Amino acid sequence: MNYFYFPLEEWTNQFVDGWLLPVMSGFFNSISTVLRAFIDTVTNLLITIPPEIIMILLIIIAWKIAGKGIALFTLIGCLYLGSVNLWPAAMQTVSIVLVSTTLSVLVGVPLGILSATNKMMETITRPILDFMQTLPSFVYLIPAILLFGLGGVPAVIATFVFATPPAVRMTNLGIRQVPSDVVEASKAFGTTSRQLLFKVQLPLALPTIMAGVNQTMMLALSMAVIASMIGAPGLGSTVLSGISTVNVGLGLTGGLGIVVLAIILDRITQGLAKKA
């Protein structure tokens, strides 16, 4: 039932090949260089530090934040990753998750604050966030490959786009849920807009914001695994190798490693949200 023809595919390809790549390639190369240096620094740091030290630090953090049960699970999970020779791959995945989550929070939280305090900004960002969250995750890989090539950089870019909406939405929600009587009382005492935001709204909204950070990190982990299809290193590449070679054992080994990381990161960030 083609009543009319809309050449979206041709227009998109003409825009990309005729203007975006020739004109903006230098800009994207600069971003790629900076991100690659950031990712390599984090990855080399995690791999260089002895696994025993990282394991002890994770256990202590899990114990203090999430309790003894998660600390015990962290111990068992770290031992599992080491026993099946997945520690370096796990650290590569963690580095991609940490870098992309950091970028998502640095961009998402300020955007959430602006959306909560500016109705025009919320009107602009809401459909953009809807688009980012409803677009299939695999679609993010196409422009990431085109603009940044293969490897960790396009994985971080695709993960950043995929994982940022929860940070924006939860920050917006947290600030809007601050009781109006508290806000009115603060204004009655003569607080400025800056003081109201940093001393009243943000502290009260912090648990909701941390819940958004938790969601962002989980989405980043899921996308970091999918990004193995474009050459991203880590546990996702292990699972992808298992799929491509029909090696059930390898796929199961890598999949359990992803589950271990997901549970540890999820429980720790949930603990931070509860303590906020």
C-alpha atoms as a PDB file:
ATOM      1  CA  MET A   1       0.000   0.000   0.000  1.00  0.00           C
ATOM      2  CA  ASN A   2       2.458   2.650  -1.227  1.00  0.00           C
ATOM      3  CA  TYR A   3       0.319   5.722  -1.788  1.00  0.00           C
ATOM      4  CA  PHE A   4       3.420   7.895  -2.089  1.00  0.00           C
ATOM      5  CA  TYR A   5       7.160   7.357  -1.946  1.00  0.00           C
ATOM      6  CA  PHE A   6       9.216   9.024   0.779  1.00  0.00           C
ATOM      7  CA  PRO A   7      12.944   8.687  -0.064  1.00  0.00           C
ATOM      8  CA  LEU A   8      14.213   8.811   3.526  1.00  0.00           C
ATOM      9  CA  GLU A   9      16.939   6.264   2.880  1.00  0.00           C
ATOM     10  CA  GLU A  10      18.360   8.175  -0.103  1.00  0.00           C
ATOM     11  CA  TRP A  11      18.213  11.530   1.684  1.00  0.00           C
ATOM     12  CA  THR A  12      19.930  10.120   4.748  1.00  0.00           C
ATOM     13  CA  ASN A  13      22.728   8.543   2.733  1.00  0.00           C
ATOM     14  CA  GLN A  14      23.214  11.732   0.717  1.00  0.00           C
ATOM     15  CA  PHE A  15      23.434  13.764   3.925  1.00  0.00           C
ATOM     16  CA  VAL A  16      25.950  11.377   5.483  1.00  0.00           C
ATOM     17  CA  ASP A  17      28.123  10.853   2.397  1.00  0.00           C
ATOM     18  CA  GLY A  18      27.808  14.338   0.990  1.00  0.00           C
ATOM     19  CA  TRP A  19      28.149  16.518   4.097  1.00  0.00           C
ATOM     20  CA  LEU A  20      28.500  14.797   7.464  1.00  0.00           C
ATOM     21  CA  LEU A  21      31.579  12.665   6.784  1.00  0.00           C
ATOM     22  CA  PRO A  22      33.488  15.117   4.542  1.00  0.00           C
ATOM     23  CA  VAL A  23      32.845  18.160   6.737  1.00  0.00           C
ATOM     24  CA  MET A  24      32.692  16.754  10.271  1.00  0.00           C
ATOM     25  CA  SER A  25      35.227  13.915  10.095  1.00  0.00           C
ATOM     26  CA  GLY A  26      37.905  15.991  11.841  1.00  0.00           C
ATOM     27  CA  PHE A  27      35.539  16.762  14.724  1.00  0.00           C
ATOM     28  CA  PHE A  28      34.612  13.114  15.174  1.00  0.00           C
ATOM     29  CA  ASN A  29      38.269  12.090  14.975  1.00  0.00           C
ATOM     30  CA  SER A  30      39.072  14.517  17.783  1.00  0.00           C
ATOM     31  CA  ILE A  31      36.319  13.070  19.961  1.00  0.00           C
ATOM     32  CA  SER A  32      37.546   9.571  19.139  1.00  0.00           C
ATOM     33  CA  THR A  33      41.116  10.428  20.151  1.00  0.00           C
ATOM     34  CA  VAL A  34      40.067  11.867  23.507  1.00  0.00           C
ATOM     35  CA  LEU A  35      37.694   9.018  24.312  1.00  0.00           C
ATOM     36  CA  ARG A  36      40.207   6.378  23.256  1.00  0.00           C
ATOM     37  CA  ALA A  37      42.804   7.868  25.590  1.00  0.00           C
ATOM     38  CA  PHE A  38      40.259   7.952  28.437  1.00  0.00           C
ATOM     39  CA  ILE A  39      39.152   4.357  27.841  1.00  0.00           C
ATOM     40  CA  ASP A  40      42.719   3.070  27.505  1.00  0.00           C
ATOM     41  CA  THR A  41      43.732   4.813  30.731  1.00  0.00           C
ATOM     42  CA  VAL A  42      40.863   3.293  32.725  1.00  0.00           C
ATOM     43  CA  THR A  43      41.343  -0.147  31.141  1.00  0.00           C
ATOM     44  CA  ASN A  44      45.113  -0.200  31.700  1.00  0.00           C
ATOM     45  CA  LEU A  45      44.628   0.909  35.291  1.00  0.00           C
ATOM     46  CA  LEU A  46      42.108  -1.854  36.020  1.00  0.00           C
ATOM     47  CA  ILE A  47      44.237  -4.508  34.328  1.00  0.00           C
ATOM     48  CA  THR A  48      47.527  -3.320  35.862  1.00  0.00           C
ATOM     49  CA  ILE A  49      46.243  -3.344  39.441  1.00  0.00           C
ATOM     50  CA  PRO A  50      46.567  -6.890  40.841  1.00  0.00           C
ATOM     51  CA  PRO A  51      43.204  -8.679  40.791  1.00  0.00           C
ATOM     52  CA  GLU A  52      43.515  -9.464  44.505  1.00  0.00           C
ATOM     53  CA  ILE A  53      43.594  -5.770  45.383  1.00  0.00           C
ATOM     54  CA  ILE A  54      40.554  -4.971  43.217  1.00  0.00           C
ATOM     55  CA  MET A  55      38.708  -7.946  44.704  1.00  0.00           C
ATOM     56  CA  ILE A  56      39.440  -6.813  48.266  1.00  0.00           C
ATOM     57  CA  LEU A  57      38.345  -3.255  47.469  1.00  0.00           C
ATOM     58  CA  LEU A  58      35.114  -4.478  45.864  1.00  0.00           C
ATOM     59  CA  ILE A  59      34.362  -6.716  48.844  1.00  0.00           C
ATOM     60  CA  ILE A  60      34.922  -3.854  51.296  1.00  0.00           C
ATOM     61  CA  ILE A  61      32.770  -1.480  49.236  1.00  0.00           C
ATOM     62  CA  ALA A  62      30.016  -4.082  48.881  1.00  0.00           C
ATOM     63  CA  TRP A  63      30.137  -4.830  52.635  1.00  0.00           C
ATOM     64  CA  LYS A  64      29.926  -1.172  53.643  1.00  0.00           C
ATOM     65  CA  ILE A  65      27.256  -0.224  51.123  1.00  0.00           C
ATOM     66  CA  ALA A  66      25.157  -3.324  50.414  1.00  0.00           C
ATOM     67  CA  GLY A  67      25.780  -5.691  53.337  1.00  0.00           C
ATOM     68  CA  LYS A  68      27.516  -8.973  54.091  1.00  0.00           C
ATOM     69  CA  GLY A  69      25.484 -11.024  51.621  1.00  0.00           C
ATOM     70  CA  ILE A  70      26.560  -8.959  48.624  1.00  0.00           C
ATOM     71  CA  ALA A  71      30.135  -8.902  49.957  1.00  0.00           C
ATOM     72  CA  LEU A  72      30.118 -12.701  49.994  1.00  0.00           C
ATOM     73  CA  PHE A  73      28.648 -12.803  46.489  1.00  0.00           C
ATOM     74  CA  THR A  74      31.331 -10.345  45.330  1.00  0.00           C
ATOM     75  CA  LEU A  75      34.022 -12.658  46.702  1.00  0.00           C
ATOM     76  CA  ILE A  76      32.524 -15.687  44.946  1.00  0.00           C
ATOM     77  CA  GLY A  77      31.969 -13.711  41.722  1.00  0.00           C
ATOM     78  CA  CYS A  78      35.536 -12.401  41.608  1.00  0.00           C
ATOM     79  CA  LEU A  79      36.902 -15.884  42.256  1.00  0.00           C
ATOM     80  CA  TYR A  80      34.736 -17.192  39.422  1.00  0.00           C
ATOM     81  CA  LEU A  81      36.007 -14.548  36.976  1.00  0.00           C
ATOM     82  CA  GLY A  82      39.585 -15.408  37.864  1.00  0.00           C
ATOM     83  CA  SER A  83      39.091 -19.178  37.759  1.00  0.00           C
ATOM     84  CA  VAL A  84      37.732 -19.152  34.179  1.00  0.00           C
ATOM     85  CA  ASN A  85      40.347 -16.642  32.905  1.00  0.00           C
ATOM     86  CA  LEU A  86      37.784 -13.883  32.357  1.00  0.00           C
ATOM     87  CA  TRP A  87      39.295 -11.256  34.644  1.00  0.00           C
ATOM     88  CA  PRO A  88      40.937  -9.134  31.882  1.00  0.00           C
ATOM     89  CA  ALA A  89      37.760  -9.300  29.770  1.00  0.00           C
ATOM     90  CA  ALA A  90      35.672  -8.337  32.811  1.00  0.00           C
ATOM     91  CA  MET A  91      37.900  -5.325  33.473  1.00  0.00           C
ATOM     92  CA  GLN A  92      37.546  -4.246  29.840  1.00  0.00           C
ATOM     93  CA  THR A  93      33.780  -4.404  30.181  1.00  0.00           C
ATOM     94  CA  VAL A  94      33.895  -2.524  33.487  1.00  0.00           C
ATOM     95  CA  SER A  95      36.032   0.221  31.909  1.00  0.00           C
ATOM     96  CA  ILE A  96      33.513   0.743  29.083  1.00  0.00           C
ATOM     97  CA  VAL A  97      30.649   0.786  31.597  1.00  0.00           C
ATOM     98  CA  LEU A  98      32.439   3.246  33.903  1.00  0.00           C
ATOM     99  CA  VAL A  99      33.409   5.639  31.100  1.00  0.00           C
ATOM    100  CA  SER A 100      29.974   5.614  29.458  1.00  0.00           C
ATOM    101  CA  THR A 101      28.164   5.903  32.802  1.00  0.00           C
ATOM    102  CA  THR A 102      30.376   8.824  33.805  1.00  0.00           C
ATOM    103  CA  LEU A 103      29.594  10.619  30.545  1.00  0.00           C
ATOM    104  CA  SER A 104      25.879   9.843  30.881  1.00  0.00           C
ATOM    105  CA  VAL A 105      25.743  11.226  34.425  1.00  0.00           C
ATOM    106  CA  LEU A 106      27.808  14.320  33.578  1.00  0.00           C
ATOM    107  CA  VAL A 107      25.405  15.141  30.747  1.00  0.00           C
ATOM    108  CA  GLY A 108      22.178  13.652  32.078  1.00  0.00           C
ATOM    109  CA  VAL A 109      22.052  15.187  35.557  1.00  0.00           C
ATOM    110  CA  PRO A 110      22.498  18.814  34.397  1.00  0.00           C
ATOM    111  CA  LEU A 111      19.931  18.227  31.643  1.00  0.00           C
ATOM    112  CA  GLY A 112      17.553  16.803  34.238  1.00  0.00           C
ATOM    113  CA  ILE A 113      18.050  19.861  36.428  1.00  0.00           C
ATOM    114  CA  LEU A 114      17.373  22.178  33.488  1.00  0.00           C
ATOM    115  CA  SER A 115      14.284  20.173  32.541  1.00  0.00           C
ATOM    116  CA  ALA A 116      12.945  20.393  36.088  1.00  0.00           C
ATOM    117  CA  THR A 117      13.500  24.141  36.360  1.00  0.00           C
ATOM    118  CA  ASN A 118      12.685  25.184  32.798  1.00  0.00           C
ATOM    119  CA  LYS A 119       9.423  24.125  31.164  1.00  0.00           C
ATOM    120  CA  MET A 120      10.706  24.921  27.676  1.00  0.00           C
ATOM    121  CA  MET A 121      13.729  22.665  28.196  1.00  0.00           C
ATOM    122  CA  GLU A 122      11.471  19.835  29.349  1.00  0.00           C
ATOM    123  CA  THR A 123       9.285  20.276  26.275  1.00  0.00           C
ATOM    124  CA  ILE A 124      12.366  19.984  24.062  1.00  0.00           C
ATOM    125  CA  THR A 125      14.069  17.098  25.853  1.00  0.00           C
ATOM    126  CA  ARG A 126      11.018  14.859  26.411  1.00  0.00           C
ATOM    127  CA  PRO A 127      10.505  13.781  22.758  1.00  0.00           C
ATOM    128  CA  ILE A 128      14.266  13.404  22.313  1.00  0.00           C
ATOM    129  CA  LEU A 129      14.456  11.103  25.336  1.00  0.00           C
ATOM    130  CA  ASP A 130      11.422   9.159  24.087  1.00  0.00           C
ATOM    131  CA  PHE A 131      13.177   8.670  20.761  1.00  0.00           C
ATOM    132  CA  MET A 132      16.423   7.582  22.437  1.00  0.00           C
ATOM    133  CA  GLN A 133      14.648   5.049  24.649  1.00  0.00           C
ATOM    134  CA  THR A 134      12.350   3.531  22.020  1.00  0.00           C
ATOM    135  CA  LEU A 135      14.869   3.217  19.188  1.00  0.00           C
ATOM    136  CA  PRO A 136      16.155  -0.391  19.055  1.00  0.00           C
ATOM    137  CA  SER A 137      19.573  -0.699  20.670  1.00  0.00           C
ATOM    138  CA  PHE A 138      21.129  -2.282  17.581  1.00  0.00           C
ATOM    139  CA  VAL A 139      20.303   0.824  15.543  1.00  0.00           C
ATOM    140  CA  TYR A 140      22.731   2.855  17.671  1.00  0.00           C
ATOM    141  CA  LEU A 141      25.571   0.706  16.372  1.00  0.00           C
ATOM    142  CA  ILE A 142      25.203   1.876  12.752  1.00  0.00           C
ATOM    143  CA  PRO A 143      26.108   5.574  13.206  1.00  0.00           C
ATOM    144  CA  ALA A 144      28.655   4.624  15.866  1.00  0.00           C
ATOM    145  CA  ILE A 145      30.548   2.439  13.369  1.00  0.00           C
ATOM    146  CA  LEU A 146      30.195   5.019  10.608  1.00  0.00           C
ATOM    147  CA  LEU A 147      31.520   7.944  12.637  1.00  0.00           C
ATOM    148  CA  PHE A 148      33.985   6.289  15.015  1.00  0.00           C
ATOM    149  CA  GLY A 149      35.022   2.989  13.439  1.00  0.00           C
ATOM    150  CA  LEU A 150      35.347  -0.213  15.445  1.00  0.00           C
ATOM    151  CA  GLY A 151      36.417  -0.841  19.049  1.00  0.00           C
ATOM    152  CA  GLY A 152      35.795   0.716  22.421  1.00  0.00           C
ATOM    153  CA  VAL A 153      35.091   4.287  21.272  1.00  0.00           C
ATOM    154  CA  PRO A 154      31.929   3.547  19.247  1.00  0.00           C
ATOM    155  CA  ALA A 155      30.855   1.222  22.064  1.00  0.00           C
ATOM    156  CA  VAL A 156      31.085   4.089  24.552  1.00  0.00           C
ATOM    157  CA  ILE A 157      29.267   6.480  22.215  1.00  0.00           C
ATOM    158  CA  ALA A 158      26.420   4.036  21.533  1.00  0.00           C
ATOM    159  CA  THR A 159      26.207   3.147  25.232  1.00  0.00           C
ATOM    160  CA  PHE A 160      26.181   6.814  26.224  1.00  0.00           C
ATOM    161  CA  VAL A 161      23.240   7.574  23.926  1.00  0.00           C
ATOM    162  CA  PHE A 162      21.367   4.465  25.069  1.00  0.00           C
ATOM    163  CA  ALA A 163      21.959   4.913  28.810  1.00  0.00           C
ATOM    164  CA  THR A 164      21.581   8.683  29.301  1.00  0.00           C
ATOM    165  CA  PRO A 165      17.731   9.030  29.354  1.00  0.00           C
ATOM    166  CA  PRO A 166      17.247   7.486  32.846  1.00  0.00           C
ATOM    167  CA  ALA A 167      19.723   9.955  34.346  1.00  0.00           C
ATOM    168  CA  VAL A 168      17.819  12.861  32.809  1.00  0.00           C
ATOM    169  CA  ARG A 169      14.347  11.592  33.680  1.00  0.00           C
ATOM    170  CA  MET A 170      15.108  10.549  37.260  1.00  0.00           C
ATOM    171  CA  THR A 171      16.890  13.825  38.030  1.00  0.00           C
ATOM    172  CA  ASN A 172      13.917  15.729  36.642  1.00  0.00           C
ATOM    173  CA  LEU A 173      11.506  13.561  38.634  1.00  0.00           C
ATOM    174  CA  GLY A 174      13.490  13.841  41.864  1.00  0.00           C
ATOM    175  CA  ILE A 175      13.586  17.623  41.795  1.00  0.00           C
ATOM    176  CA  ARG A 176       9.898  17.898  40.900  1.00  0.00           C
ATOM    177  CA  GLN A 177       8.986  15.586  43.785  1.00  0.00           C
ATOM    178  CA  VAL A 178      10.535  17.878  46.380  1.00  0.00           C
ATOM    179  CA  PRO A 179       7.586  18.979  48.561  1.00  0.00           C
ATOM    180  CA  SER A 180       6.261  22.366  47.532  1.00  0.00           C
ATOM    181  CA  ASP A 181       5.939  23.503  51.141  1.00  0.00           C
ATOM    182  CA  VAL A 182       9.677  22.930  51.642  1.00  0.00           C
ATOM    183  CA  VAL A 183      10.425  24.987  48.552  1.00  0.00           C
ATOM    184  CA  GLU A 184       8.078  27.782  49.662  1.00  0.00           C
ATOM    185  CA  ALA A 185       9.584  27.810  53.148  1.00  0.00           C
ATOM    186  CA  SER A 186      13.080  28.062  51.697  1.00  0.00           C
ATOM    187  CA  LYS A 187      12.043  30.970  49.500  1.00  0.00           C
ATOM    188  CA  ALA A 188      10.405  32.636  52.503  1.00  0.00           C
ATOM    189  CA  PHE A 189      13.754  32.552  54.305  1.00  0.00           C
ATOM    190  CA  GLY A 190      15.325  34.432  51.412  1.00  0.00           C
ATOM    191  CA  THR A 191      17.259  31.676  49.631  1.00  0.00           C
ATOM    192  CA  THR A 192      18.462  32.417  46.127  1.00  0.00           C
ATOM    193  CA  SER A 193      17.661  30.124  43.209  1.00  0.00           C
ATOM    194  CA  ARG A 194      21.181  28.671  43.409  1.00  0.00           C
ATOM    195  CA  GLN A 195      20.917  28.036  47.150  1.00  0.00           C
ATOM    196  CA  LEU A 196      17.458  26.510  46.682  1.00  0.00           C
ATOM    197  CA  LEU A 197      18.810  24.087  44.088  1.00  0.00           C
ATOM    198  CA  PHE A 198      22.038  23.011  45.792  1.00  0.00           C
ATOM    199  CA  LYS A 199      20.980  23.141  49.438  1.00  0.00           C
ATOM    200  CA  VAL A 200      17.353  22.048  49.280  1.00  0.00           C
ATOM    201  CA  GLN A 201      16.228  20.415  46.036  1.00  0.00           C
ATOM    202  CA  LEU A 202      19.281  18.359  45.098  1.00  0.00           C
ATOM    203  CA  PRO A 203      19.843  16.896  48.601  1.00  0.00           C
ATOM    204  CA  LEU A 204      16.181  15.864  48.844  1.00  0.00           C
ATOM    205  CA  ALA A 205      16.194  14.513  45.286  1.00  0.00           C
ATOM    206  CA  LEU A 206      19.464  12.594  45.717  1.00  0.00           C
ATOM    207  CA  PRO A 207      17.882   9.142  46.354  1.00  0.00           C
ATOM    208  CA  THR A 208      15.875   9.432  43.132  1.00  0.00           C
ATOM    209  CA  ILE A 209      18.914  10.693  41.229  1.00  0.00           C
ATOM    210  CA  MET A 210      20.970   7.746  42.485  1.00  0.00           C
ATOM    211  CA  ALA A 211      18.219   5.389  41.344  1.00  0.00           C
ATOM    212  CA  GLY A 212      18.622   6.950  37.917  1.00  0.00           C
ATOM    213  CA  VAL A 213      22.386   6.368  38.089  1.00  0.00           C
ATOM    214  CA  ASN A 214      21.671   2.727  38.910  1.00  0.00           C
ATOM    215  CA  GLN A 215      19.435   2.377  35.859  1.00  0.00           C
ATOM    216  CA  THR A 216      21.999   4.156  33.708  1.00  0.00           C
ATOM    217  CA  MET A 217      24.751   1.774  34.790  1.00  0.00           C
ATOM    218  CA  MET A 218      22.620  -1.298  34.112  1.00  0.00           C
ATOM    219  CA  LEU A 219      21.696  -0.045  30.652  1.00  0.00           C
ATOM    220  CA  ALA A 220      25.358   0.763  30.024  1.00  0.00           C
ATOM    221  CA  LEU A 221      26.315  -2.800  30.924  1.00  0.00           C
ATOM    222  CA  SER A 222      23.669  -4.293  28.634  1.00  0.00           C
ATOM    223  CA  MET A 223      24.719  -2.054  25.742  1.00  0.00           C
ATOM    224  CA  ALA A 224      28.421  -2.714  26.336  1.00  0.00           C
ATOM    225  CA  VAL A 225      27.689  -6.394  25.770  1.00  0.00           C
ATOM    226  CA  ILE A 226      25.705  -5.715  22.575  1.00  0.00           C
ATOM    227  CA  ALA A 227      28.529  -3.454  21.369  1.00  0.00           C
ATOM    228  CA  SER A 228      30.787  -6.497  21.088  1.00  0.00           C
ATOM    229  CA  MET A 229      29.248  -6.787  17.616  1.00  0.00           C
ATOM    230  CA  ILE A 230      31.238  -3.691  16.592  1.00  0.00           C
ATOM    231  CA  GLY A 231      34.512  -4.810  18.106  1.00  0.00           C
ATOM    232  CA  ALA A 232      34.106  -3.691  21.707  1.00  0.00           C
ATOM    233  CA  PRO A 233      36.392  -5.768  23.947  1.00  0.00           C
ATOM    234  CA  GLY A 234      35.236  -7.520  27.095  1.00  0.00           C
ATOM    235  CA  LEU A 235      32.828 -10.210  28.167  1.00  0.00           C
ATOM    236  CA  GLY A 236      30.488  -9.472  25.283  1.00  0.00           C
ATOM    237  CA  SER A 237      33.156 -10.565  22.805  1.00  0.00           C
ATOM    238  CA  THR A 238      33.466 -13.828  24.730  1.00  0.00           C
ATOM    239  CA  VAL A 239      29.746 -14.470  24.371  1.00  0.00           C
ATOM    240  CA  LEU A 240      29.864 -13.428  20.719  1.00  0.00           C
ATOM    241  CA  SER A 241      32.706 -15.899  20.093  1.00  0.00           C
ATOM    242  CA  GLY A 242      30.633 -18.619  21.723  1.00  0.00           C
ATOM    243  CA  ILE A 243      27.699 -17.796  19.448  1.00  0.00           C
ATOM    244  CA  SER A 244      29.762 -17.623  16.255  1.00  0.00           C
ATOM    245  CA  THR A 245      31.510 -20.941  16.968  1.00  0.00           C
ATOM    246  CA  VAL A 246      28.430 -22.611  18.505  1.00  0.00           C
ATOM    247  CA  ASN A 247      30.502 -23.152  21.653  1.00  0.00           C
ATOM    248  CA  VAL A 248      27.879 -23.544  24.362  1.00  0.00           C
ATOM    249  CA  GLY A 249      30.443 -23.748  27.159  1.00  0.00           C
ATOM    250  CA  LEU A 250      32.196 -20.542  26.119  1.00  0.00           C
ATOM    251  CA  GLY A 251      28.887 -18.712  25.800  1.00  0.00           C
ATOM    252  CA  LEU A 252      27.761 -19.917  29.219  1.00  0.00           C
ATOM    253  CA  THR A 253      31.090 -18.965  30.800  1.00  0.00           C
ATOM    254  CA  GLY A 254      30.949 -15.422  29.402  1.00  0.00           C
ATOM    255  CA  GLY A 255      27.246 -15.075  30.156  1.00  0.00           C
ATOM    256  CA  LEU A 256      27.743 -15.982  33.812  1.00  0.00           C
ATOM    257  CA  GLY A 257      30.543 -13.424  33.982  1.00  0.00           C
ATOM    258  CA  ILE A 258      28.145 -10.743  32.750  1.00  0.00           C
ATOM    259  CA  VAL A 259      25.575 -11.818  35.348  1.00  0.00           C
ATOM    260  CA  VAL A 260      28.207 -11.555  38.098  1.00  0.00           C
ATOM    261  CA  LEU A 261      29.187  -8.033  37.064  1.00  0.00           C
ATOM    262  CA  ALA A 262      25.562  -6.955  36.692  1.00  0.00           C
ATOM    263  CA  ILE A 263      24.576  -8.146  40.180  1.00  0.00           C
ATOM    264  CA  ILE A 264      27.628  -6.608  41.870  1.00  0.00           C
ATOM    265  CA  LEU A 265      27.228  -3.217  40.153  1.00  0.00           C
ATOM    266  CA  ASP A 266      23.458  -3.218  40.641  1.00  0.00           C
ATOM    267  CA  ARG A 267      23.546  -3.987  44.366  1.00  0.00           C
ATOM    268  CA  ILE A 268      26.319  -1.493  45.083  1.00  0.00           C
ATOM    269  CA  THR A 269      24.572   1.350  43.248  1.00  0.00           C
ATOM    270  CA  GLN A 270      21.252   0.405  44.870  1.00  0.00           C
ATOM    271  CA  GLY A 271      22.973   0.589  48.244  1.00  0.00           C
ATOM    272  CA  LEU A 272      24.280   4.050  47.401  1.00  0.00           C
ATOM    273  CA  ALA A 273      20.755   5.146  46.471  1.00  0.00           C
ATOM    274  CA  LYS A 274      19.389   3.889  49.812  1.00  0.00           C
ATOM    275  CA  LYS A 275      22.138   5.643  51.774  1.00  0.00           C
ATOM    276  CA  ALA A 276      21.712   8.923  49.883  1.00  0.00           C
END
